[in-house]
Amino acid sequence: MAEVSERTLQVSVLVAFASGVLVGWQANRLRRRYLDWRERRLQDWLATTQKKLDLAGVAASRCARAPGFLALPPAEAWPRRCCRVGRGIRCRLCGAAVRS
């Protein structure tokens, strides 16, 4: 096996470390961009769903344990408000009963 000088070994380790840092940084940037895109997409979906609910006359409920989470009634309950009565709507996040 060929001899590797101390200097060559140090440079190789330094280049490997620097490339790992660069690749990790780029991967984190790409992940953050994806998460931001997904958040925007879900916010748009929530706004359109809320608009549909408002037009249908069905009020969305908020979970008591996770106030920021919107618990929507089943899709078949959207056209008529009376369908929602007595269904026992539960939060999709924690399963707790929600309040209107």
PDB file of N, CA and C in Angstrom:
ATOM      1  N   MET A   1       0.829  -1.168   0.000  1.00  0.00           N
ATOM      2  CA  MET A   1       0.000   0.000   0.000  1.00  0.00           C
ATOM      3  C   MET A   1       0.884   1.246   0.000  1.00  0.00           C
ATOM      4  N   ALA A   2       0.451   2.244  -0.738  1.00  0.00           N
ATOM      5  CA  ALA A   2       1.270   3.448  -0.879  1.00  0.00           C
ATOM      6  C   ALA A   2       1.234   4.279   0.399  1.00  0.00           C
ATOM      7  N   GLU A   3       2.334   4.929   0.630  1.00  0.00           N
ATOM      8  CA  GLU A   3       2.445   5.807   1.794  1.00  0.00           C
ATOM      9  C   GLU A   3       1.669   7.093   1.528  1.00  0.00           C
ATOM     10  N   VAL A   4       0.940   7.558   2.532  1.00  0.00           N
ATOM     11  CA  VAL A   4       0.215   8.821   2.434  1.00  0.00           C
ATOM     12  C   VAL A   4       0.860   9.781   3.419  1.00  0.00           C
ATOM     13  N   SER A   5       1.236  10.941   2.915  1.00  0.00           N
ATOM     14  CA  SER A   5       1.902  11.898   3.798  1.00  0.00           C
ATOM     15  C   SER A   5       0.905  12.478   4.795  1.00  0.00           C
ATOM     16  N   GLU A   6       1.456  12.998   5.871  1.00  0.00           N
ATOM     17  CA  GLU A   6       0.639  13.607   6.922  1.00  0.00           C
ATOM     18  C   GLU A   6      -0.159  14.794   6.380  1.00  0.00           C
ATOM     19  N   ARG A   7       0.460  15.576   5.544  1.00  0.00           N
ATOM     20  CA  ARG A   7      -0.194  16.760   4.972  1.00  0.00           C
ATOM     21  C   ARG A   7      -1.370  16.346   4.078  1.00  0.00           C
ATOM     22  N   THR A   8      -1.189  15.323   3.244  1.00  0.00           N
ATOM     23  CA  THR A   8      -2.256  14.852   2.360  1.00  0.00           C
ATOM     24  C   THR A   8      -3.434  14.328   3.176  1.00  0.00           C
ATOM     25  N   LEU A   9      -3.135  13.631   4.236  1.00  0.00           N
ATOM     26  CA  LEU A   9      -4.190  13.111   5.104  1.00  0.00           C
ATOM     27  C   LEU A   9      -4.987  14.245   5.757  1.00  0.00           C
ATOM     28  N   GLN A  10      -4.295  15.264   6.231  1.00  0.00           N
ATOM     29  CA  GLN A  10      -4.977  16.402   6.853  1.00  0.00           C
ATOM     30  C   GLN A  10      -5.869  17.133   5.846  1.00  0.00           C
ATOM     31  N   VAL A  11      -5.353  17.319   4.646  1.00  0.00           N
ATOM     32  CA  VAL A  11      -6.132  17.996   3.617  1.00  0.00           C
ATOM     33  C   VAL A  11      -7.360  17.164   3.242  1.00  0.00           C
ATOM     34  N   SER A  12      -7.183  15.858   3.140  1.00  0.00           N
ATOM     35  CA  SER A  12      -8.311  14.978   2.805  1.00  0.00           C
ATOM     36  C   SER A  12      -9.403  15.039   3.872  1.00  0.00           C
ATOM     37  N   VAL A  13      -9.010  14.992   5.128  1.00  0.00           N
ATOM     38  CA  VAL A  13      -9.980  15.069   6.219  1.00  0.00           C
ATOM     39  C   VAL A  13     -10.677  16.427   6.213  1.00  0.00           C
ATOM     40  N   LEU A  14      -9.945  17.491   5.973  1.00  0.00           N
ATOM     41  CA  LEU A  14     -10.519  18.827   5.935  1.00  0.00           C
ATOM     42  C   LEU A  14     -11.520  18.971   4.787  1.00  0.00           C
ATOM     43  N   VAL A  15     -11.171  18.456   3.624  1.00  0.00           N
ATOM     44  CA  VAL A  15     -12.085  18.523   2.466  1.00  0.00           C
ATOM     45  C   VAL A  15     -13.339  17.690   2.728  1.00  0.00           C
ATOM     46  N   ALA A  16     -13.175  16.514   3.308  1.00  0.00           N
ATOM     47  CA  ALA A  16     -14.337  15.676   3.609  1.00  0.00           C
ATOM     48  C   ALA A  16     -15.260  16.363   4.615  1.00  0.00           C
ATOM     49  N   PHE A  17     -14.693  16.969   5.645  1.00  0.00           N
ATOM     50  CA  PHE A  17     -15.498  17.661   6.634  1.00  0.00           C
ATOM     51  C   PHE A  17     -16.230  18.855   6.021  1.00  0.00           C
ATOM     52  N   ALA A  18     -15.510  19.639   5.230  1.00  0.00           N
ATOM     53  CA  ALA A  18     -16.113  20.822   4.604  1.00  0.00           C
ATOM     54  C   ALA A  18     -17.238  20.428   3.646  1.00  0.00           C
ATOM     55  N   SER A  19     -17.034  19.362   2.885  1.00  0.00           N
ATOM     56  CA  SER A  19     -18.091  18.932   1.970  1.00  0.00           C
ATOM     57  C   SER A  19     -19.302  18.418   2.744  1.00  0.00           C
ATOM     58  N   GLY A  20     -19.091  17.738   3.869  1.00  0.00           N
ATOM     59  CA  GLY A  20     -20.207  17.289   4.698  1.00  0.00           C
ATOM     60  C   GLY A  20     -20.995  18.448   5.274  1.00  0.00           C
ATOM     61  N   VAL A  21     -20.293  19.480   5.727  1.00  0.00           N
ATOM     62  CA  VAL A  21     -20.968  20.672   6.251  1.00  0.00           C
ATOM     63  C   VAL A  21     -21.774  21.343   5.145  1.00  0.00           C
ATOM     64  N   LEU A  22     -21.198  21.470   3.970  1.00  0.00           N
ATOM     65  CA  LEU A  22     -21.882  22.116   2.849  1.00  0.00           C
ATOM     66  C   LEU A  22     -23.127  21.330   2.429  1.00  0.00           C
ATOM     67  N   VAL A  23     -22.996  20.026   2.335  1.00  0.00           N
ATOM     68  CA  VAL A  23     -24.139  19.194   1.937  1.00  0.00           C
ATOM     69  C   VAL A  23     -25.237  19.261   3.014  1.00  0.00           C
ATOM     70  N   GLY A  24     -24.868  19.216   4.283  1.00  0.00           N
ATOM     71  CA  GLY A  24     -25.846  19.314   5.361  1.00  0.00           C
ATOM     72  C   GLY A  24     -26.559  20.657   5.364  1.00  0.00           C
ATOM     73  N   TRP A  25     -25.832  21.710   5.113  1.00  0.00           N
ATOM     74  CA  TRP A  25     -26.421  23.049   5.071  1.00  0.00           C
ATOM     75  C   TRP A  25     -27.432  23.152   3.938  1.00  0.00           C
ATOM     76  N   GLN A  26     -27.042  22.641   2.760  1.00  0.00           N
ATOM     77  CA  GLN A  26     -27.955  22.681   1.609  1.00  0.00           C
ATOM     78  C   GLN A  26     -29.190  21.808   1.855  1.00  0.00           C
ATOM     79  N   ALA A  27     -28.997  20.660   2.484  1.00  0.00           N
ATOM     80  CA  ALA A  27     -30.137  19.783   2.783  1.00  0.00           C
ATOM     81  C   ALA A  27     -31.093  20.465   3.754  1.00  0.00           C
ATOM     82  N   ASN A  28     -30.567  21.164   4.743  1.00  0.00           N
ATOM     83  CA  ASN A  28     -31.425  21.864   5.697  1.00  0.00           C
ATOM     84  C   ASN A  28     -32.183  23.001   5.012  1.00  0.00           C
ATOM     85  N   ARG A  29     -31.526  23.719   4.113  1.00  0.00           N
ATOM     86  CA  ARG A  29     -32.214  24.777   3.360  1.00  0.00           C
ATOM     87  C   ARG A  29     -33.354  24.206   2.536  1.00  0.00           C
ATOM     88  N   LEU A  30     -33.094  23.081   1.886  1.00  0.00           N
ATOM     89  CA  LEU A  30     -34.128  22.436   1.077  1.00  0.00           C
ATOM     90  C   LEU A  30     -35.284  21.957   1.953  1.00  0.00           C
ATOM     91  N   ARG A  31     -34.986  21.406   3.118  1.00  0.00           N
ATOM     92  CA  ARG A  31     -36.026  20.965   4.042  1.00  0.00           C
ATOM     93  C   ARG A  31     -36.865  22.137   4.519  1.00  0.00           C
ATOM     94  N   ARG A  32     -36.232  23.255   4.882  1.00  0.00           N
ATOM     95  CA  ARG A  32     -36.977  24.437   5.329  1.00  0.00           C
ATOM     96  C   ARG A  32     -37.873  24.970   4.212  1.00  0.00           C
ATOM     97  N   ARG A  33     -37.369  24.980   2.982  1.00  0.00           N
ATOM     98  CA  ARG A  33     -38.193  25.445   1.859  1.00  0.00           C
ATOM     99  C   ARG A  33     -39.405  24.547   1.681  1.00  0.00           C
ATOM    100  N   TYR A  34     -39.233  23.232   1.817  1.00  0.00           N
ATOM    101  CA  TYR A  34     -40.351  22.300   1.701  1.00  0.00           C
ATOM    102  C   TYR A  34     -41.368  22.541   2.817  1.00  0.00           C
ATOM    103  N   LEU A  35     -40.890  22.702   4.055  1.00  0.00           N
ATOM    104  CA  LEU A  35     -41.803  22.917   5.170  1.00  0.00           C
ATOM    105  C   LEU A  35     -42.568  24.232   5.017  1.00  0.00           C
ATOM    106  N   ASP A  36     -41.903  25.280   4.529  1.00  0.00           N
ATOM    107  CA  ASP A  36     -42.591  26.548   4.290  1.00  0.00           C
ATOM    108  C   ASP A  36     -43.644  26.396   3.208  1.00  0.00           C
ATOM    109  N   TRP A  37     -43.298  25.665   2.133  1.00  0.00           N
ATOM    110  CA  TRP A  37     -44.262  25.427   1.048  1.00  0.00           C
ATOM    111  C   TRP A  37     -45.467  24.645   1.573  1.00  0.00           C
ATOM    112  N   ARG A  38     -45.210  23.611   2.385  1.00  0.00           N
ATOM    113  CA  ARG A  38     -46.295  22.802   2.907  1.00  0.00           C
ATOM    114  C   ARG A  38     -47.198  23.615   3.834  1.00  0.00           C
ATOM    115  N   GLU A  39     -46.582  24.485   4.639  1.00  0.00           N
ATOM    116  CA  GLU A  39     -47.377  25.328   5.525  1.00  0.00           C
ATOM    117  C   GLU A  39     -48.268  26.273   4.719  1.00  0.00           C
ATOM    118  N   ARG A  40     -47.708  26.887   3.671  1.00  0.00           N
ATOM    119  CA  ARG A  40     -48.520  27.765   2.814  1.00  0.00           C
ATOM    120  C   ARG A  40     -49.647  26.992   2.155  1.00  0.00           C
ATOM    121  N   ARG A  41     -49.361  25.788   1.675  1.00  0.00           N
ATOM    122  CA  ARG A  41     -50.382  24.970   1.007  1.00  0.00           C
ATOM    123  C   ARG A  41     -51.495  24.602   1.980  1.00  0.00           C
ATOM    124  N   LEU A  42     -51.136  24.203   3.204  1.00  0.00           N
ATOM    125  CA  LEU A  42     -52.144  23.839   4.189  1.00  0.00           C
ATOM    126  C   LEU A  42     -52.952  25.052   4.639  1.00  0.00           C
ATOM    127  N   GLN A  43     -52.300  26.213   4.752  1.00  0.00           N
ATOM    128  CA  GLN A  43     -53.034  27.422   5.113  1.00  0.00           C
ATOM    129  C   GLN A  43     -54.034  27.791   4.021  1.00  0.00           C
ATOM    130  N   ASP A  44     -53.622  27.643   2.753  1.00  0.00           N
ATOM    131  CA  ASP A  44     -54.545  27.900   1.642  1.00  0.00           C
ATOM    132  C   ASP A  44     -55.702  26.913   1.668  1.00  0.00           C
ATOM    133  N   TRP A  45     -55.395  25.649   1.931  1.00  0.00           N
ATOM    134  CA  TRP A  45     -56.461  24.626   2.012  1.00  0.00           C
ATOM    135  C   TRP A  45     -57.424  24.948   3.144  1.00  0.00           C
ATOM    136  N   LEU A  46     -56.876  25.374   4.296  1.00  0.00           N
ATOM    137  CA  LEU A  46     -57.717  25.718   5.432  1.00  0.00           C
ATOM    138  C   LEU A  46     -58.616  26.907   5.107  1.00  0.00           C
ATOM    139  N   ALA A  47     -58.064  27.906   4.419  1.00  0.00           N
ATOM    140  CA  ALA A  47     -58.860  29.079   4.058  1.00  0.00           C
ATOM    141  C   ALA A  47     -59.988  28.698   3.107  1.00  0.00           C
ATOM    142  N   THR A  48     -59.699  27.864   2.110  1.00  0.00           N
ATOM    143  CA  THR A  48     -60.754  27.464   1.175  1.00  0.00           C
ATOM    144  C   THR A  48     -61.799  26.592   1.864  1.00  0.00           C
ATOM    145  N   THR A  49     -61.365  25.710   2.762  1.00  0.00           N
ATOM    146  CA  THR A  49     -62.309  24.866   3.489  1.00  0.00           C
ATOM    147  C   THR A  49     -63.185  25.718   4.408  1.00  0.00           C
ATOM    148  N   GLN A  50     -62.567  26.695   5.062  1.00  0.00           N
ATOM    149  CA  GLN A  50     -63.343  27.584   5.928  1.00  0.00           C
ATOM    150  C   GLN A  50     -64.362  28.371   5.107  1.00  0.00           C
ATOM    151  N   LYS A  51     -63.962  28.791   3.915  1.00  0.00           N
ATOM    152  CA  LYS A  51     -64.884  29.513   3.033  1.00  0.00           C
ATOM    153  C   LYS A  51     -66.051  28.611   2.630  1.00  0.00           C
ATOM    154  N   LYS A  52     -65.757  27.340   2.309  1.00  0.00           N
ATOM    155  CA  LYS A  52     -66.822  26.398   1.968  1.00  0.00           C
ATOM    156  C   LYS A  52     -67.769  26.190   3.149  1.00  0.00           C
ATOM    157  N   LEU A  53     -67.179  26.076   4.346  1.00  0.00           N
ATOM    158  CA  LEU A  53     -68.008  25.890   5.532  1.00  0.00           C
ATOM    159  C   LEU A  53     -68.886  27.111   5.794  1.00  0.00           C
ATOM    160  N   ASP A  54     -68.312  28.287   5.616  1.00  0.00           N
ATOM    161  CA  ASP A  54     -69.096  29.507   5.817  1.00  0.00           C
ATOM    162  C   ASP A  54     -70.242  29.591   4.822  1.00  0.00           C
ATOM    163  N   LEU A  55     -69.960  29.219   3.578  1.00  0.00           N
ATOM    164  CA  LEU A  55     -71.011  29.253   2.567  1.00  0.00           C
ATOM    165  C   LEU A  55     -72.088  28.205   2.839  1.00  0.00           C
ATOM    166  N   ALA A  56     -71.689  27.068   3.424  1.00  0.00           N
ATOM    167  CA  ALA A  56     -72.648  26.001   3.719  1.00  0.00           C
ATOM    168  C   ALA A  56     -73.384  26.232   5.032  1.00  0.00           C
ATOM    169  N   GLY A  57     -72.919  27.178   5.833  1.00  0.00           N
ATOM    170  CA  GLY A  57     -73.582  27.463   7.099  1.00  0.00           C
ATOM    171  C   GLY A  57     -73.191  26.542   8.223  1.00  0.00           C
ATOM    172  N   VAL A  58     -72.032  25.885   8.123  1.00  0.00           N
ATOM    173  CA  VAL A  58     -71.564  24.979   9.168  1.00  0.00           C
ATOM    174  C   VAL A  58     -70.398  25.653   9.878  1.00  0.00           C
ATOM    175  N   ALA A  59     -70.477  25.727  11.189  1.00  0.00           N
ATOM    176  CA  ALA A  59     -69.399  26.340  11.956  1.00  0.00           C
ATOM    177  C   ALA A  59     -68.352  25.288  12.290  1.00  0.00           C
ATOM    178  N   ALA A  60     -67.100  25.615  12.067  1.00  0.00           N
ATOM    179  CA  ALA A  60     -66.012  24.708  12.440  1.00  0.00           C
ATOM    180  C   ALA A  60     -65.799  24.794  13.947  1.00  0.00           C
ATOM    181  N   SER A  61     -65.267  23.754  14.529  1.00  0.00           N
ATOM    182  CA  SER A  61     -65.042  23.702  15.972  1.00  0.00           C
ATOM    183  C   SER A  61     -63.564  23.784  16.264  1.00  0.00           C
ATOM    184  N   ARG A  62     -63.249  24.212  17.467  1.00  0.00           N
ATOM    185  CA  ARG A  62     -61.858  24.275  17.902  1.00  0.00           C
ATOM    186  C   ARG A  62     -61.659  23.283  19.042  1.00  0.00           C
ATOM    187  N   CYS A  63     -60.525  22.606  19.000  1.00  0.00           N
ATOM    188  CA  CYS A  63     -60.217  21.616  20.032  1.00  0.00           C
ATOM    189  C   CYS A  63     -59.803  22.340  21.316  1.00  0.00           C
ATOM    190  N   ALA A  64     -60.265  21.856  22.474  1.00  0.00           N
ATOM    191  CA  ALA A  64     -59.932  22.486  23.747  1.00  0.00           C
ATOM    192  C   ALA A  64     -58.465  22.267  24.112  1.00  0.00           C
ATOM    193  N   ARG A  65     -57.905  21.106  23.754  1.00  0.00           N
ATOM    194  CA  ARG A  65     -56.512  20.803  24.096  1.00  0.00           C
ATOM    195  C   ARG A  65     -55.521  21.416  23.126  1.00  0.00           C
ATOM    196  N   ALA A  66     -55.924  21.589  21.887  1.00  0.00           N
ATOM    197  CA  ALA A  66     -55.052  22.184  20.873  1.00  0.00           C
ATOM    198  C   ALA A  66     -55.826  23.317  20.200  1.00  0.00           C
ATOM    199  N   PRO A  67     -55.887  24.520  20.815  1.00  0.00           N
ATOM    200  CA  PRO A  67     -56.750  25.584  20.326  1.00  0.00           C
ATOM    201  C   PRO A  67     -56.450  26.022  18.898  1.00  0.00           C
ATOM    202  N   GLY A  68     -55.240  25.860  18.430  1.00  0.00           N
ATOM    203  CA  GLY A  68     -54.913  26.269  17.077  1.00  0.00           C
ATOM    204  C   GLY A  68     -55.355  25.272  16.029  1.00  0.00           C
ATOM    205  N   PHE A  69     -55.813  24.107  16.461  1.00  0.00           N
ATOM    206  CA  PHE A  69     -56.172  23.048  15.520  1.00  0.00           C
ATOM    207  C   PHE A  69     -57.654  23.092  15.244  1.00  0.00           C
ATOM    208  N   LEU A  70     -58.026  23.101  13.993  1.00  0.00           N
ATOM    209  CA  LEU A  70     -59.421  23.177  13.594  1.00  0.00           C
ATOM    210  C   LEU A  70     -59.952  21.777  13.348  1.00  0.00           C
ATOM    211  N   ALA A  71     -61.008  21.410  14.054  1.00  0.00           N
ATOM    212  CA  ALA A  71     -61.634  20.106  13.871  1.00  0.00           C
ATOM    213  C   ALA A  71     -62.848  20.284  12.983  1.00  0.00           C
ATOM    214  N   LEU A  72     -62.789  19.771  11.789  1.00  0.00           N
ATOM    215  CA  LEU A  72     -63.880  19.943  10.839  1.00  0.00           C
ATOM    216  C   LEU A  72     -64.894  18.818  10.989  1.00  0.00           C
ATOM    217  N   PRO A  73     -66.165  19.131  10.806  1.00  0.00           N
ATOM    218  CA  PRO A  73     -67.166  18.062  10.843  1.00  0.00           C
ATOM    219  C   PRO A  73     -67.027  17.165   9.628  1.00  0.00           C
ATOM    220  N   PRO A  74     -67.651  15.988   9.641  1.00  0.00           N
ATOM    221  CA  PRO A  74     -67.570  15.104   8.480  1.00  0.00           C
ATOM    222  C   PRO A  74     -68.123  15.800   7.240  1.00  0.00           C
ATOM    223  N   ALA A  75     -67.601  15.435   6.087  1.00  0.00           N
ATOM    224  CA  ALA A  75     -67.975  16.102   4.834  1.00  0.00           C
ATOM    225  C   ALA A  75     -69.473  16.010   4.564  1.00  0.00           C
ATOM    226  N   GLU A  76     -70.112  14.908   4.954  1.00  0.00           N
ATOM    227  CA  GLU A  76     -71.542  14.777   4.679  1.00  0.00           C
ATOM    228  C   GLU A  76     -72.374  15.728   5.543  1.00  0.00           C
ATOM    229  N   ALA A  77     -71.777  16.292   6.604  1.00  0.00           N
ATOM    230  CA  ALA A  77     -72.517  17.216   7.470  1.00  0.00           C
ATOM    231  C   ALA A  77     -72.432  18.658   6.982  1.00  0.00           C
ATOM    232  N   TRP A  78     -71.615  18.939   5.971  1.00  0.00           N
ATOM    233  CA  TRP A  78     -71.427  20.320   5.544  1.00  0.00           C
ATOM    234  C   TRP A  78     -72.683  20.972   4.982  1.00  0.00           C
ATOM    235  N   PRO A  79     -73.473  20.321   4.140  1.00  0.00           N
ATOM    236  CA  PRO A  79     -74.590  21.051   3.537  1.00  0.00           C
ATOM    237  C   PRO A  79     -75.673  21.463   4.533  1.00  0.00           C
ATOM    238  N   ARG A  80     -75.932  20.671   5.570  1.00  0.00           N
ATOM    239  CA  ARG A  80     -77.011  20.980   6.498  1.00  0.00           C
ATOM    240  C   ARG A  80     -76.445  21.110   7.909  1.00  0.00           C
ATOM    241  N   ARG A  81     -76.784  22.195   8.563  1.00  0.00           N
ATOM    242  CA  ARG A  81     -76.297  22.433   9.920  1.00  0.00           C
ATOM    243  C   ARG A  81     -76.864  21.416  10.909  1.00  0.00           C
ATOM    244  N   CYS A  82     -78.115  20.975  10.694  1.00  0.00           N
ATOM    245  CA  CYS A  82     -78.751  20.067  11.646  1.00  0.00           C
ATOM    246  C   CYS A  82     -78.073  18.691  11.663  1.00  0.00           C
ATOM    247  N   CYS A  83     -77.353  18.322  10.630  1.00  0.00           N
ATOM    248  CA  CYS A  83     -76.673  17.016  10.605  1.00  0.00           C
ATOM    249  C   CYS A  83     -75.573  16.946  11.654  1.00  0.00           C
ATOM    250  N   ARG A  84     -75.078  18.104  12.072  1.00  0.00           N
ATOM    251  CA  ARG A  84     -73.965  18.145  12.992  1.00  0.00           C
ATOM    252  C   ARG A  84     -74.411  17.875  14.426  1.00  0.00           C
ATOM    253  N   VAL A  85     -75.657  18.116  14.724  1.00  0.00           N
ATOM    254  CA  VAL A  85     -76.161  17.964  16.086  1.00  0.00           C
ATOM    255  C   VAL A  85     -76.137  16.484  16.483  1.00  0.00           C
ATOM    256  N   GLY A  86     -75.560  16.193  17.622  1.00  0.00           N
ATOM    257  CA  GLY A  86     -75.544  14.843  18.147  1.00  0.00           C
ATOM    258  C   GLY A  86     -74.521  13.911  17.530  1.00  0.00           C
ATOM    259  N   ARG A  87     -73.641  14.409  16.678  1.00  0.00           N
ATOM    260  CA  ARG A  87     -72.641  13.532  16.059  1.00  0.00           C
ATOM    261  C   ARG A  87     -71.423  13.324  16.952  1.00  0.00           C
ATOM    262  N   GLY A  88     -71.228  14.185  17.930  1.00  0.00           N
ATOM    263  CA  GLY A  88     -70.072  14.035  18.811  1.00  0.00           C
ATOM    264  C   GLY A  88     -68.772  14.222  18.055  1.00  0.00           C
ATOM    265  N   ILE A  89     -68.570  15.383  17.501  1.00  0.00           N
ATOM    266  CA  ILE A  89     -67.366  15.655  16.710  1.00  0.00           C
ATOM    267  C   ILE A  89     -66.148  15.610  17.618  1.00  0.00           C
ATOM    268  N   ARG A  90     -65.113  14.948  17.156  1.00  0.00           N
ATOM    269  CA  ARG A  90     -63.883  14.809  17.925  1.00  0.00           C
ATOM    270  C   ARG A  90     -62.724  15.416  17.162  1.00  0.00           C
ATOM    271  N   CYS A  91     -61.736  15.860  17.911  1.00  0.00           N
ATOM    272  CA  CYS A  91     -60.529  16.441  17.320  1.00  0.00           C
ATOM    273  C   CYS A  91     -59.748  15.339  16.611  1.00  0.00           C
ATOM    274  N   ARG A  92     -59.298  15.631  15.379  1.00  0.00           N
ATOM    275  CA  ARG A  92     -58.504  14.641  14.643  1.00  0.00           C
ATOM    276  C   ARG A  92     -57.103  14.539  15.196  1.00  0.00           C
ATOM    277  N   LEU A  93     -56.672  15.530  15.990  1.00  0.00           N
ATOM    278  CA  LEU A  93     -55.319  15.533  16.522  1.00  0.00           C
ATOM    279  C   LEU A  93     -55.214  14.724  17.817  1.00  0.00           C
ATOM    280  N   CYS A  94     -56.134  15.005  18.774  1.00  0.00           N
ATOM    281  CA  CYS A  94     -56.016  14.352  20.083  1.00  0.00           C
ATOM    282  C   CYS A  94     -57.205  13.465  20.426  1.00  0.00           C
ATOM    283  N   GLY A  95     -58.293  13.530  19.659  1.00  0.00           N
ATOM    284  CA  GLY A  95     -59.451  12.683  19.912  1.00  0.00           C
ATOM    285  C   GLY A  95     -60.405  13.225  20.952  1.00  0.00           C
ATOM    286  N   ALA A  96     -60.118  14.411  21.498  1.00  0.00           N
ATOM    287  CA  ALA A  96     -61.000  14.981  22.507  1.00  0.00           C
ATOM    288  C   ALA A  96     -62.247  15.564  21.866  1.00  0.00           C
ATOM    289  N   ALA A  97     -63.332  15.623  22.632  1.00  0.00           N
ATOM    290  CA  ALA A  97     -64.553  16.264  22.133  1.00  0.00           C
ATOM    291  C   ALA A  97     -64.281  17.746  21.970  1.00  0.00           C
ATOM    292  N   VAL A  98     -64.811  18.340  20.915  1.00  0.00           N
ATOM    293  CA  VAL A  98     -64.531  19.741  20.636  1.00  0.00           C
ATOM    294  C   VAL A  98     -65.743  20.595  20.933  1.00  0.00           C
ATOM    295  N   ARG A  99     -65.477  21.863  21.165  1.00  0.00           N
ATOM    296  CA  ARG A  99     -66.557  22.805  21.399  1.00  0.00           C
ATOM    297  C   ARG A  99     -66.723  23.679  20.157  1.00  0.00           C
ATOM    298  N   SER A 100     -67.902  24.168  19.959  1.00  0.00           N
ATOM    299  CA  SER A 100     -68.184  25.022  18.805  1.00  0.00           C
ATOM    300  C   SER A 100     -67.703  26.425  19.049  1.00  0.00           C
TER     301      SER A 100
END
